Amino acid sequence: MKSKKEKLTIALTMGDPAGIGPEIVAKVISQELLNKANIVLIGCPEILFAAISEYNREFTPIECVSLTQLSQEEIPALSILESSERATNLILRTPSAEGGRLALDAVKCATELCLQGLAQAMVTAPVSKEAIEMGGVSFTGHTEYISELCGEYDEMMMMSSPLLNVGYVTTHVSLAKLPSILTRELIKNRTRLVSNFLIESGHANTRVALCGLNPHAGENGLFGQEETEIIIPAIKSLQKEGLLCDGPFPADTLFVKNCRDHFGAILAMYHDQGGIPFKMLSFEDGVNHTLGLPIIRTSVDHGTAWDLVGKNKAHTGSLKAAVEMAITLADNRE
């Protein structure tokens, strides 16, 4: 099954091989997706072959490709690119140094494909931070790791679903550090990235709503000065640039449907402020994006789900949405 190189190519990593990554990667493959883009599965061929054979036999056998083949005029619509050595001591349903290494190798390989222009976007299945750390690699998350591979970029995390889009000014930092990290320039840069995302994802001319940091968005300084000294001046500056944004709004009411529906996206000041309402509303079909990089990267909004491994119960809604969003963003960027 061949297709012309003019078609988009999406790199899809296997995730941690001991988790549900290989299962959902195998399940998500469909002719509908392959009609839109070529998909290159990144990881251990034997693990991916086994997953496809168990969960999606329609697409067996699958051709393995090399970097040279990916740069040629015609490539398979569905293929596997080996990113690491064979798994030797992998134990399912548990984090391990080997599982972490194999998962990270796939992420690195997919990132390099995008940087080389051999793939127009990458989609990542879930990895285990614990497993990667067990292998001796300091790892706070996909977002930071991929950014480091790309170079010096001011990356940010963005979550999206059919119900809402949520950006994060800060992510994996402690609440105690927030007051020292939050600046006008940081908020302005994050808001611009969210605005650009809305354009690329087909939501141009919609507004970005910014959350306050403190309860009741500070209540005019009664519960903190961050709103009056940092967030409001940043918003006013952005509005002078012509950027469509408003706020700051109290986070405990902004995510209510009647409020959020007035905006294309919400910008949260910290991880849980945006993550808790987003996952309550969109856990099954949420997509994690990394904005601010020279490449397009989307991901699932969930983890490795050790307890579901091998039970054929893992849902693919989030991964399918991530692949479809990657295709949309790559199409619009092209």
C-alpha atoms as a PDB file:
ATOM      1  CA  MET A   1       0.000   0.000   0.000  1.00  0.00           C
ATOM      2  CA  LYS A   2       1.830   3.086  -1.276  1.00  0.00           C
ATOM      3  CA  SER A   3       1.021   6.748  -1.400  1.00  0.00           C
ATOM      4  CA  LYS A   4       2.705   9.818  -2.841  1.00  0.00           C
ATOM      5  CA  LYS A   5       5.104  11.865  -0.742  1.00  0.00           C
ATOM      6  CA  GLU A   6       2.917  14.970  -1.169  1.00  0.00           C
ATOM      7  CA  LYS A   7       0.697  13.455   1.491  1.00  0.00           C
ATOM      8  CA  LEU A   8       1.393  14.487   5.085  1.00  0.00           C
ATOM      9  CA  THR A   9       3.485  12.140   7.220  1.00  0.00           C
ATOM     10  CA  ILE A  10       2.707  11.768  10.918  1.00  0.00           C
ATOM     11  CA  ALA A  11       5.190  10.136  13.332  1.00  0.00           C
ATOM     12  CA  LEU A  12       3.350   8.190  16.063  1.00  0.00           C
ATOM     13  CA  THR A  13       5.382   6.916  19.029  1.00  0.00           C
ATOM     14  CA  MET A  14       4.555   3.669  20.830  1.00  0.00           C
ATOM     15  CA  GLY A  15       4.733   5.141  24.368  1.00  0.00           C
ATOM     16  CA  ASP A  16       5.978   3.031  27.254  1.00  0.00           C
ATOM     17  CA  PRO A  17       5.904  -0.557  25.906  1.00  0.00           C
ATOM     18  CA  ALA A  18       4.855  -1.915  29.316  1.00  0.00           C
ATOM     19  CA  GLY A  19       1.779   0.330  29.406  1.00  0.00           C
ATOM     20  CA  ILE A  20      -1.247   0.740  27.142  1.00  0.00           C
ATOM     21  CA  GLY A  21       0.724   2.668  24.496  1.00  0.00           C
ATOM     22  CA  PRO A  22       1.209  -0.173  21.974  1.00  0.00           C
ATOM     23  CA  GLU A  23      -2.431  -1.252  22.367  1.00  0.00           C
ATOM     24  CA  ILE A  24      -3.975   2.156  21.699  1.00  0.00           C
ATOM     25  CA  VAL A  25      -1.503   2.863  18.898  1.00  0.00           C
ATOM     26  CA  ALA A  26      -2.569  -0.380  17.201  1.00  0.00           C
ATOM     27  CA  LYS A  27      -6.274   0.268  17.775  1.00  0.00           C
ATOM     28  CA  VAL A  28      -6.247   3.851  16.522  1.00  0.00           C
ATOM     29  CA  ILE A  29      -5.018   2.961  13.022  1.00  0.00           C
ATOM     30  CA  SER A  30      -7.849   3.169  10.499  1.00  0.00           C
ATOM     31  CA  GLN A  31      -8.235   3.609   6.777  1.00  0.00           C
ATOM     32  CA  GLU A  32      -9.957   6.913   7.500  1.00  0.00           C
ATOM     33  CA  LEU A  33      -6.760   8.279   9.070  1.00  0.00           C
ATOM     34  CA  LEU A  34      -4.528   6.764   6.398  1.00  0.00           C
ATOM     35  CA  ASN A  35      -6.569   8.495   3.709  1.00  0.00           C
ATOM     36  CA  LYS A  36      -5.569  11.801   5.314  1.00  0.00           C
ATOM     37  CA  ALA A  37      -1.903  11.134   6.093  1.00  0.00           C
ATOM     38  CA  ASN A  38       0.858   8.554   6.073  1.00  0.00           C
ATOM     39  CA  ILE A  39       1.515   7.222   9.563  1.00  0.00           C
ATOM     40  CA  VAL A  40       4.940   6.020  10.681  1.00  0.00           C
ATOM     41  CA  LEU A  41       4.873   4.082  13.944  1.00  0.00           C
ATOM     42  CA  ILE A  42       8.015   4.749  15.982  1.00  0.00           C
ATOM     43  CA  GLY A  43       9.372   2.159  18.421  1.00  0.00           C
ATOM     44  CA  CYS A  44      10.351  -1.501  18.726  1.00  0.00           C
ATOM     45  CA  PRO A  45       9.128  -3.426  15.655  1.00  0.00           C
ATOM     46  CA  GLU A  46       8.493  -6.669  17.560  1.00  0.00           C
ATOM     47  CA  ILE A  47       6.324  -4.871  20.132  1.00  0.00           C
ATOM     48  CA  LEU A  48       4.382  -2.954  17.501  1.00  0.00           C
ATOM     49  CA  PHE A  49       3.973  -6.055  15.288  1.00  0.00           C
ATOM     50  CA  ALA A  50       2.560  -7.966  18.248  1.00  0.00           C
ATOM     51  CA  ALA A  51       0.137  -5.172  19.148  1.00  0.00           C
ATOM     52  CA  ILE A  52      -1.142  -4.818  15.579  1.00  0.00           C
ATOM     53  CA  SER A  53      -1.554  -8.591  15.290  1.00  0.00           C
ATOM     54  CA  GLU A  54      -3.581  -8.723  18.502  1.00  0.00           C
ATOM     55  CA  TYR A  55      -5.690  -5.587  18.241  1.00  0.00           C
ATOM     56  CA  ASN A  56      -5.929  -4.627  14.555  1.00  0.00           C
ATOM     57  CA  ARG A  57      -5.180  -7.504  12.173  1.00  0.00           C
ATOM     58  CA  GLU A  58      -6.641  -5.584   9.248  1.00  0.00           C
ATOM     59  CA  PHE A  59      -3.305  -3.824   8.865  1.00  0.00           C
ATOM     60  CA  THR A  60      -0.954  -6.822   8.973  1.00  0.00           C
ATOM     61  CA  PRO A  61       1.654  -7.262   7.705  1.00  0.00           C
ATOM     62  CA  ILE A  62       3.299  -3.852   8.146  1.00  0.00           C
ATOM     63  CA  GLU A  63       6.395  -2.778   6.312  1.00  0.00           C
ATOM     64  CA  CYS A  64       9.477  -1.576   8.221  1.00  0.00           C
ATOM     65  CA  VAL A  65      11.128   1.476   6.675  1.00  0.00           C
ATOM     66  CA  SER A  66      14.462   3.250   6.993  1.00  0.00           C
ATOM     67  CA  LEU A  67      15.270   6.943   7.123  1.00  0.00           C
ATOM     68  CA  THR A  68      16.381   6.699   3.492  1.00  0.00           C
ATOM     69  CA  GLN A  69      13.007   5.326   2.435  1.00  0.00           C
ATOM     70  CA  LEU A  70      11.169   8.079   4.302  1.00  0.00           C
ATOM     71  CA  SER A  71      12.987  10.686   2.229  1.00  0.00           C
ATOM     72  CA  GLN A  72      12.032   9.055  -1.077  1.00  0.00           C
ATOM     73  CA  GLU A  73       9.131  10.008  -3.344  1.00  0.00           C
ATOM     74  CA  GLU A  74       6.842   7.174  -2.264  1.00  0.00           C
ATOM     75  CA  ILE A  75       6.453   5.621   1.192  1.00  0.00           C
ATOM     76  CA  PRO A  76       3.956   3.185   2.709  1.00  0.00           C
ATOM     77  CA  ALA A  77       0.746   4.697   4.028  1.00  0.00           C
ATOM     78  CA  LEU A  78       1.448   2.748   7.245  1.00  0.00           C
ATOM     79  CA  SER A  79       4.916   1.670   8.330  1.00  0.00           C
ATOM     80  CA  ILE A  80       7.222   1.116  11.315  1.00  0.00           C
ATOM     81  CA  LEU A  81      10.539   2.849  11.939  1.00  0.00           C
ATOM     82  CA  GLU A  82      12.787   1.146  14.470  1.00  0.00           C
ATOM     83  CA  SER A  83      13.967   3.600  17.105  1.00  0.00           C
ATOM     84  CA  SER A  84      15.862   1.373  19.543  1.00  0.00           C
ATOM     85  CA  GLU A  85      17.298  -2.038  20.279  1.00  0.00           C
ATOM     86  CA  ARG A  86      15.086  -5.029  21.020  1.00  0.00           C
ATOM     87  CA  ALA A  87      13.375  -5.295  24.383  1.00  0.00           C
ATOM     88  CA  THR A  88      15.044  -7.982  26.476  1.00  0.00           C
ATOM     89  CA  ASN A  89      13.706  -7.898  30.034  1.00  0.00           C
ATOM     90  CA  LEU A  90      10.472  -5.954  29.694  1.00  0.00           C
ATOM     91  CA  ILE A  91       7.797  -6.667  32.309  1.00  0.00           C
ATOM     92  CA  LEU A  92       4.260  -5.576  31.490  1.00  0.00           C
ATOM     93  CA  ARG A  93       2.157  -3.423  33.830  1.00  0.00           C
ATOM     94  CA  THR A  94       5.111  -1.995  35.735  1.00  0.00           C
ATOM     95  CA  PRO A  95       7.588   0.863  35.217  1.00  0.00           C
ATOM     96  CA  SER A  96      11.159  -0.156  34.455  1.00  0.00           C
ATOM     97  CA  ALA A  97      14.397   1.409  33.279  1.00  0.00           C
ATOM     98  CA  GLU A  98      14.173  -0.555  30.026  1.00  0.00           C
ATOM     99  CA  GLY A  99      10.614   0.544  29.344  1.00  0.00           C
ATOM    100  CA  GLY A 100      11.574   4.147  30.024  1.00  0.00           C
ATOM    101  CA  ARG A 101      14.576   3.949  27.698  1.00  0.00           C
ATOM    102  CA  LEU A 102      12.573   2.412  24.852  1.00  0.00           C
ATOM    103  CA  ALA A 103       9.819   5.003  25.221  1.00  0.00           C
ATOM    104  CA  LEU A 104      12.288   7.900  25.259  1.00  0.00           C
ATOM    105  CA  ASP A 105      14.152   6.543  22.219  1.00  0.00           C
ATOM    106  CA  ALA A 106      10.892   6.648  20.261  1.00  0.00           C
ATOM    107  CA  VAL A 107      10.217  10.255  21.289  1.00  0.00           C
ATOM    108  CA  LYS A 108      13.723  11.307  20.275  1.00  0.00           C
ATOM    109  CA  CYS A 109      13.426   9.540  16.930  1.00  0.00           C
ATOM    110  CA  ALA A 110      10.047  11.130  16.144  1.00  0.00           C
ATOM    111  CA  THR A 111      11.344  14.588  17.083  1.00  0.00           C
ATOM    112  CA  GLU A 112      14.330  14.172  14.768  1.00  0.00           C
ATOM    113  CA  LEU A 113      12.046  13.085  11.916  1.00  0.00           C
ATOM    114  CA  CYS A 114      10.083  16.318  12.295  1.00  0.00           C
ATOM    115  CA  LEU A 115      13.186  18.481  12.576  1.00  0.00           C
ATOM    116  CA  GLN A 116      14.518  16.899   9.379  1.00  0.00           C
ATOM    117  CA  GLY A 117      11.257  17.516   7.569  1.00  0.00           C
ATOM    118  CA  LEU A 118      10.597  13.801   7.076  1.00  0.00           C
ATOM    119  CA  ALA A 119       7.404  14.075   9.139  1.00  0.00           C
ATOM    120  CA  GLN A 120       5.129  17.100   9.366  1.00  0.00           C
ATOM    121  CA  ALA A 121       3.937  16.345  12.907  1.00  0.00           C
ATOM    122  CA  MET A 122       4.497  13.923  15.776  1.00  0.00           C
ATOM    123  CA  VAL A 123       1.981  12.305  18.116  1.00  0.00           C
ATOM    124  CA  THR A 124       3.087  10.712  21.376  1.00  0.00           C
ATOM    125  CA  ALA A 125       1.485   7.840  23.264  1.00  0.00           C
ATOM    126  CA  PRO A 126       1.800   7.911  27.091  1.00  0.00           C
ATOM    127  CA  VAL A 127       5.129   7.418  28.838  1.00  0.00           C
ATOM    128  CA  SER A 128       6.012   6.938  32.503  1.00  0.00           C
ATOM    129  CA  LYS A 129       8.084   9.675  34.115  1.00  0.00           C
ATOM    130  CA  GLU A 130       9.034   7.192  36.828  1.00  0.00           C
ATOM    131  CA  ALA A 131      10.304   4.636  34.310  1.00  0.00           C
ATOM    132  CA  ILE A 132      12.384   7.215  32.441  1.00  0.00           C
ATOM    133  CA  GLU A 133      13.888   8.485  35.693  1.00  0.00           C
ATOM    134  CA  MET A 134      14.731   4.855  36.605  1.00  0.00           C
ATOM    135  CA  GLY A 135      16.924   4.804  33.497  1.00  0.00           C
ATOM    136  CA  GLY A 136      18.982   7.704  34.831  1.00  0.00           C
ATOM    137  CA  VAL A 137      17.421  10.475  32.733  1.00  0.00           C
ATOM    138  CA  SER A 138      16.072  13.602  34.409  1.00  0.00           C
ATOM    139  CA  PHE A 139      12.576  13.943  32.914  1.00  0.00           C
ATOM    140  CA  THR A 140       9.804  16.333  33.901  1.00  0.00           C
ATOM    141  CA  GLY A 141       7.646  15.625  30.855  1.00  0.00           C
ATOM    142  CA  HIS A 142       7.322  15.311  27.087  1.00  0.00           C
ATOM    143  CA  THR A 143       6.914  19.069  26.704  1.00  0.00           C
ATOM    144  CA  GLU A 144      10.248  19.986  28.258  1.00  0.00           C
ATOM    145  CA  TYR A 145      12.160  17.043  26.739  1.00  0.00           C
ATOM    146  CA  ILE A 146      11.031  17.702  23.167  1.00  0.00           C
ATOM    147  CA  SER A 147      11.754  21.396  23.585  1.00  0.00           C
ATOM    148  CA  GLU A 148      15.318  20.590  24.662  1.00  0.00           C
ATOM    149  CA  LEU A 149      15.789  18.417  21.569  1.00  0.00           C
ATOM    150  CA  CYS A 150      14.551  21.245  19.354  1.00  0.00           C
ATOM    151  CA  GLY A 151      16.862  23.857  20.885  1.00  0.00           C
ATOM    152  CA  GLU A 152      16.168  27.007  22.834  1.00  0.00           C
ATOM    153  CA  TYR A 153      12.430  27.598  22.648  1.00  0.00           C
ATOM    154  CA  ASP A 154       9.813  29.010  24.999  1.00  0.00           C
ATOM    155  CA  GLU A 155       7.466  26.037  24.854  1.00  0.00           C
ATOM    156  CA  MET A 156       4.099  25.736  26.572  1.00  0.00           C
ATOM    157  CA  MET A 157       1.427  23.099  27.132  1.00  0.00           C
ATOM    158  CA  MET A 158      -2.012  23.405  25.594  1.00  0.00           C
ATOM    159  CA  MET A 159      -5.001  21.079  25.999  1.00  0.00           C
ATOM    160  CA  SER A 160      -7.885  20.936  23.544  1.00  0.00           C
ATOM    161  CA  SER A 161     -11.135  19.066  22.962  1.00  0.00           C
ATOM    162  CA  PRO A 162     -14.422  19.718  21.168  1.00  0.00           C
ATOM    163  CA  LEU A 163     -15.660  21.385  24.380  1.00  0.00           C
ATOM    164  CA  LEU A 164     -12.785  23.727  25.238  1.00  0.00           C
ATOM    165  CA  ASN A 165      -9.161  24.756  24.723  1.00  0.00           C
ATOM    166  CA  VAL A 166      -6.955  25.414  27.751  1.00  0.00           C
ATOM    167  CA  GLY A 167      -3.419  26.822  27.752  1.00  0.00           C
ATOM    168  CA  TYR A 168      -1.035  26.893  30.717  1.00  0.00           C
ATOM    169  CA  VAL A 169       1.207  29.810  31.653  1.00  0.00           C
ATOM    170  CA  THR A 170       3.185  27.460  33.926  1.00  0.00           C
ATOM    171  CA  THR A 171       3.092  23.666  34.145  1.00  0.00           C
ATOM    172  CA  HIS A 172       5.375  21.417  36.169  1.00  0.00           C
ATOM    173  CA  VAL A 173       6.415  23.861  38.894  1.00  0.00           C
ATOM    174  CA  SER A 174       5.427  24.062  42.539  1.00  0.00           C
ATOM    175  CA  LEU A 175       2.791  26.519  43.681  1.00  0.00           C
ATOM    176  CA  ALA A 176       5.332  28.039  46.040  1.00  0.00           C
ATOM    177  CA  LYS A 177       7.438  29.166  43.054  1.00  0.00           C
ATOM    178  CA  LEU A 178       4.573  30.703  41.070  1.00  0.00           C
ATOM    179  CA  PRO A 179       4.838  34.304  42.353  1.00  0.00           C
ATOM    180  CA  SER A 180       8.511  34.458  41.358  1.00  0.00           C
ATOM    181  CA  ILE A 181       7.909  32.910  37.912  1.00  0.00           C
ATOM    182  CA  LEU A 182       4.829  34.835  36.801  1.00  0.00           C
ATOM    183  CA  THR A 183       5.765  37.931  34.773  1.00  0.00           C
ATOM    184  CA  ARG A 184       4.022  40.215  32.329  1.00  0.00           C
ATOM    185  CA  GLU A 185       6.218  39.042  29.457  1.00  0.00           C
ATOM    186  CA  LEU A 186       5.589  35.364  30.227  1.00  0.00           C
ATOM    187  CA  ILE A 187       1.826  35.899  30.203  1.00  0.00           C
ATOM    188  CA  LYS A 188       2.017  37.915  26.991  1.00  0.00           C
ATOM    189  CA  ASN A 189       4.118  35.272  25.229  1.00  0.00           C
ATOM    190  CA  ARG A 190       1.787  32.474  26.336  1.00  0.00           C
ATOM    191  CA  THR A 191      -1.297  34.397  25.216  1.00  0.00           C
ATOM    192  CA  ARG A 192       0.218  35.004  21.772  1.00  0.00           C
ATOM    193  CA  LEU A 193       0.952  31.290  21.400  1.00  0.00           C
ATOM    194  CA  VAL A 194      -2.617  30.382  22.326  1.00  0.00           C
ATOM    195  CA  SER A 195      -3.946  32.950  19.857  1.00  0.00           C
ATOM    196  CA  ASN A 196      -1.774  31.476  17.088  1.00  0.00           C
ATOM    197  CA  PHE A 197      -3.009  27.996  17.991  1.00  0.00           C
ATOM    198  CA  LEU A 198      -6.608  29.144  17.600  1.00  0.00           C
ATOM    199  CA  ILE A 199      -5.796  30.413  14.112  1.00  0.00           C
ATOM    200  CA  GLU A 200      -4.005  27.198  13.059  1.00  0.00           C
ATOM    201  CA  SER A 201      -6.756  24.988  14.461  1.00  0.00           C
ATOM    202  CA  GLY A 202      -9.512  26.834  12.605  1.00  0.00           C
ATOM    203  CA  HIS A 203     -10.786  29.103  15.406  1.00  0.00           C
ATOM    204  CA  ALA A 204      -9.612  32.491  14.173  1.00  0.00           C
ATOM    205  CA  ASN A 205     -11.345  35.626  15.494  1.00  0.00           C
ATOM    206  CA  THR A 206     -12.165  34.019  18.839  1.00  0.00           C
ATOM    207  CA  ARG A 207     -11.028  35.467  22.150  1.00  0.00           C
ATOM    208  CA  VAL A 208      -8.640  34.187  24.817  1.00  0.00           C
ATOM    209  CA  ALA A 209      -9.858  34.420  28.428  1.00  0.00           C
ATOM    210  CA  LEU A 210      -7.170  34.696  31.095  1.00  0.00           C
ATOM    211  CA  CYS A 211      -7.673  33.274  34.583  1.00  0.00           C
ATOM    212  CA  GLY A 212      -6.673  35.176  37.662  1.00  0.00           C
ATOM    213  CA  LEU A 213      -4.054  33.623  39.911  1.00  0.00           C
ATOM    214  CA  ASN A 214      -5.761  34.266  43.249  1.00  0.00           C
ATOM    215  CA  PRO A 215      -9.277  33.472  44.518  1.00  0.00           C
ATOM    216  CA  HIS A 216     -11.895  35.717  42.871  1.00  0.00           C
ATOM    217  CA  ALA A 217      -9.126  36.968  40.557  1.00  0.00           C
ATOM    218  CA  GLY A 218      -7.640  38.840  43.501  1.00  0.00           C
ATOM    219  CA  GLU A 219     -10.786  40.800  44.434  1.00  0.00           C
ATOM    220  CA  ASN A 220      -9.125  44.133  43.535  1.00  0.00           C
ATOM    221  CA  GLY A 221      -6.015  43.336  45.538  1.00  0.00           C
ATOM    222  CA  LEU A 222      -7.779  41.946  48.591  1.00  0.00           C
ATOM    223  CA  PHE A 223      -6.404  38.425  48.015  1.00  0.00           C
ATOM    224  CA  GLY A 224      -3.130  39.239  46.261  1.00  0.00           C
ATOM    225  CA  GLN A 225      -1.426  41.743  43.994  1.00  0.00           C
ATOM    226  CA  GLU A 226      -0.552  39.513  41.001  1.00  0.00           C
ATOM    227  CA  GLU A 227      -3.700  40.490  39.093  1.00  0.00           C
ATOM    228  CA  THR A 228      -3.261  44.254  39.455  1.00  0.00           C
ATOM    229  CA  GLU A 229       0.533  44.305  39.079  1.00  0.00           C
ATOM    230  CA  ILE A 230       1.143  41.574  36.487  1.00  0.00           C
ATOM    231  CA  ILE A 231      -1.884  40.029  34.773  1.00  0.00           C
ATOM    232  CA  ILE A 232      -4.007  43.132  34.063  1.00  0.00           C
ATOM    233  CA  PRO A 233      -1.084  45.185  32.659  1.00  0.00           C
ATOM    234  CA  ALA A 234      -0.173  42.226  30.421  1.00  0.00           C
ATOM    235  CA  ILE A 235      -3.737  41.997  29.104  1.00  0.00           C
ATOM    236  CA  LYS A 236      -3.928  45.741  28.423  1.00  0.00           C
ATOM    237  CA  SER A 237      -0.634  45.586  26.525  1.00  0.00           C
ATOM    238  CA  LEU A 238      -1.865  42.665  24.404  1.00  0.00           C
ATOM    239  CA  GLN A 239      -5.118  44.441  23.644  1.00  0.00           C
ATOM    240  CA  LYS A 240      -3.137  47.437  22.369  1.00  0.00           C
ATOM    241  CA  GLU A 241      -1.403  45.016  19.971  1.00  0.00           C
ATOM    242  CA  GLY A 242      -4.822  44.041  18.656  1.00  0.00           C
ATOM    243  CA  LEU A 243      -4.854  40.594  20.230  1.00  0.00           C
ATOM    244  CA  LEU A 244      -8.323  39.353  21.213  1.00  0.00           C
ATOM    245  CA  CYS A 245      -8.125  38.646  24.950  1.00  0.00           C
ATOM    246  CA  ASP A 246      -9.960  39.501  28.187  1.00  0.00           C
ATOM    247  CA  GLY A 247      -9.641  39.006  31.938  1.00  0.00           C
ATOM    248  CA  PRO A 248      -8.532  38.172  34.463  1.00  0.00           C
ATOM    249  CA  PHE A 249     -11.550  36.060  35.418  1.00  0.00           C
ATOM    250  CA  PRO A 250     -12.103  33.971  38.568  1.00  0.00           C
ATOM    251  CA  ALA A 251     -11.127  30.427  37.643  1.00  0.00           C
ATOM    252  CA  ASP A 252     -13.919  28.845  39.682  1.00  0.00           C
ATOM    253  CA  THR A 253     -16.588  30.259  37.332  1.00  0.00           C
ATOM    254  CA  LEU A 254     -14.757  30.723  34.018  1.00  0.00           C
ATOM    255  CA  PHE A 255     -14.971  27.013  33.138  1.00  0.00           C
ATOM    256  CA  VAL A 256     -18.761  26.929  33.552  1.00  0.00           C
ATOM    257  CA  LYS A 257     -20.362  26.415  30.131  1.00  0.00           C
ATOM    258  CA  ASN A 258     -22.158  29.771  29.957  1.00  0.00           C
ATOM    259  CA  CYS A 259     -18.832  31.532  30.610  1.00  0.00           C
ATOM    260  CA  ARG A 260     -16.372  29.424  28.625  1.00  0.00           C
ATOM    261  CA  ASP A 261     -18.546  29.361  25.504  1.00  0.00           C
ATOM    262  CA  HIS A 262     -17.827  33.066  24.966  1.00  0.00           C
ATOM    263  CA  PHE A 263     -14.147  32.314  24.310  1.00  0.00           C
ATOM    264  CA  GLY A 264     -12.034  30.255  21.938  1.00  0.00           C
ATOM    265  CA  ALA A 265      -9.580  29.352  24.675  1.00  0.00           C
ATOM    266  CA  ILE A 266      -8.839  29.797  28.370  1.00  0.00           C
ATOM    267  CA  LEU A 267      -5.346  30.545  29.664  1.00  0.00           C
ATOM    268  CA  ALA A 268      -4.733  29.106  33.134  1.00  0.00           C
ATOM    269  CA  MET A 269      -1.954  30.456  35.342  1.00  0.00           C
ATOM    270  CA  TYR A 270      -0.826  27.042  36.623  1.00  0.00           C
ATOM    271  CA  HIS A 271      -1.177  23.329  35.927  1.00  0.00           C
ATOM    272  CA  ASP A 272      -4.054  22.195  38.131  1.00  0.00           C
ATOM    273  CA  GLN A 273      -6.046  25.389  37.650  1.00  0.00           C
ATOM    274  CA  GLY A 274      -6.591  24.357  34.042  1.00  0.00           C
ATOM    275  CA  GLY A 275      -5.975  20.622  34.235  1.00  0.00           C
ATOM    276  CA  ILE A 276      -8.663  19.686  36.752  1.00  0.00           C
ATOM    277  CA  PRO A 277     -11.631  21.247  34.904  1.00  0.00           C
ATOM    278  CA  PHE A 278     -10.287  20.183  31.518  1.00  0.00           C
ATOM    279  CA  LYS A 279      -9.963  16.523  32.452  1.00  0.00           C
ATOM    280  CA  MET A 280     -13.330  16.505  34.201  1.00  0.00           C
ATOM    281  CA  LEU A 281     -14.946  17.734  30.984  1.00  0.00           C
ATOM    282  CA  SER A 282     -12.804  16.121  28.279  1.00  0.00           C
ATOM    283  CA  PHE A 283     -10.767  13.212  29.623  1.00  0.00           C
ATOM    284  CA  GLU A 284     -11.915  10.768  26.923  1.00  0.00           C
ATOM    285  CA  ASP A 285     -11.089  12.972  23.924  1.00  0.00           C
ATOM    286  CA  GLY A 286      -8.614  15.556  25.197  1.00  0.00           C
ATOM    287  CA  VAL A 287      -5.436  16.368  23.272  1.00  0.00           C
ATOM    288  CA  ASN A 288      -2.167  17.650  24.709  1.00  0.00           C
ATOM    289  CA  HIS A 289      -0.197  20.038  22.469  1.00  0.00           C
ATOM    290  CA  THR A 290       3.265  21.539  22.777  1.00  0.00           C
ATOM    291  CA  LEU A 291       3.161  25.110  21.461  1.00  0.00           C
ATOM    292  CA  GLY A 292       6.060  27.395  20.675  1.00  0.00           C
ATOM    293  CA  LEU A 293       8.276  24.807  18.952  1.00  0.00           C
ATOM    294  CA  PRO A 294       9.401  24.653  15.307  1.00  0.00           C
ATOM    295  CA  ILE A 295       7.559  21.320  15.018  1.00  0.00           C
ATOM    296  CA  ILE A 296       3.990  20.163  15.652  1.00  0.00           C
ATOM    297  CA  ARG A 297       3.507  17.781  18.567  1.00  0.00           C
ATOM    298  CA  THR A 298       0.273  16.455  20.017  1.00  0.00           C
ATOM    299  CA  SER A 299      -0.350  13.752  22.596  1.00  0.00           C
ATOM    300  CA  VAL A 300      -2.926  11.961  24.697  1.00  0.00           C
ATOM    301  CA  ASP A 301      -4.132  13.591  27.900  1.00  0.00           C
ATOM    302  CA  HIS A 302      -3.715  10.438  30.037  1.00  0.00           C
ATOM    303  CA  GLY A 303      -1.040   8.121  31.375  1.00  0.00           C
ATOM    304  CA  THR A 304       0.171   4.556  30.902  1.00  0.00           C
ATOM    305  CA  ALA A 305      -2.770   2.948  32.777  1.00  0.00           C
ATOM    306  CA  TRP A 306      -0.815  -0.038  34.098  1.00  0.00           C
ATOM    307  CA  ASP A 307      -4.016  -1.604  35.429  1.00  0.00           C
ATOM    308  CA  LEU A 308      -5.556  -1.850  31.932  1.00  0.00           C
ATOM    309  CA  VAL A 309      -2.609  -3.477  30.143  1.00  0.00           C
ATOM    310  CA  GLY A 310      -3.529  -6.706  28.357  1.00  0.00           C
ATOM    311  CA  LYS A 311      -7.257  -6.429  29.110  1.00  0.00           C
ATOM    312  CA  ASN A 312      -8.324  -4.950  25.756  1.00  0.00           C
ATOM    313  CA  LYS A 313     -10.123  -2.164  27.631  1.00  0.00           C
ATOM    314  CA  ALA A 314      -7.969   0.858  26.800  1.00  0.00           C
ATOM    315  CA  HIS A 315      -9.882   3.591  24.969  1.00  0.00           C
ATOM    316  CA  THR A 316      -8.416   5.332  21.926  1.00  0.00           C
ATOM    317  CA  GLY A 317     -10.536   8.512  21.961  1.00  0.00           C
ATOM    318  CA  SER A 318      -7.752  10.791  23.148  1.00  0.00           C
ATOM    319  CA  LEU A 319      -5.120   9.322  20.808  1.00  0.00           C
ATOM    320  CA  LYS A 320      -7.453   9.460  17.802  1.00  0.00           C
ATOM    321  CA  ALA A 321      -8.212  13.103  18.570  1.00  0.00           C
ATOM    322  CA  ALA A 322      -4.467  13.786  18.911  1.00  0.00           C
ATOM    323  CA  VAL A 323      -3.713  12.276  15.487  1.00  0.00           C
ATOM    324  CA  GLU A 324      -6.569  14.156  13.854  1.00  0.00           C
ATOM    325  CA  MET A 325      -5.483  17.425  15.459  1.00  0.00           C
ATOM    326  CA  ALA A 326      -1.884  16.857  14.309  1.00  0.00           C
ATOM    327  CA  ILE A 327      -3.144  16.402  10.753  1.00  0.00           C
ATOM    328  CA  THR A 328      -5.277  19.560  10.970  1.00  0.00           C
ATOM    329  CA  LEU A 329      -2.425  21.685  12.344  1.00  0.00           C
ATOM    330  CA  ALA A 330       0.052  20.320   9.787  1.00  0.00           C
ATOM    331  CA  ASP A 331      -2.413  20.931   6.937  1.00  0.00           C
ATOM    332  CA  ASN A 332      -2.992  24.525   8.024  1.00  0.00           C
ATOM    333  CA  ARG A 333       0.701  25.190   8.588  1.00  0.00           C
ATOM    334  CA  GLU A 334       1.572  23.787   5.158  1.00  0.00           C
END
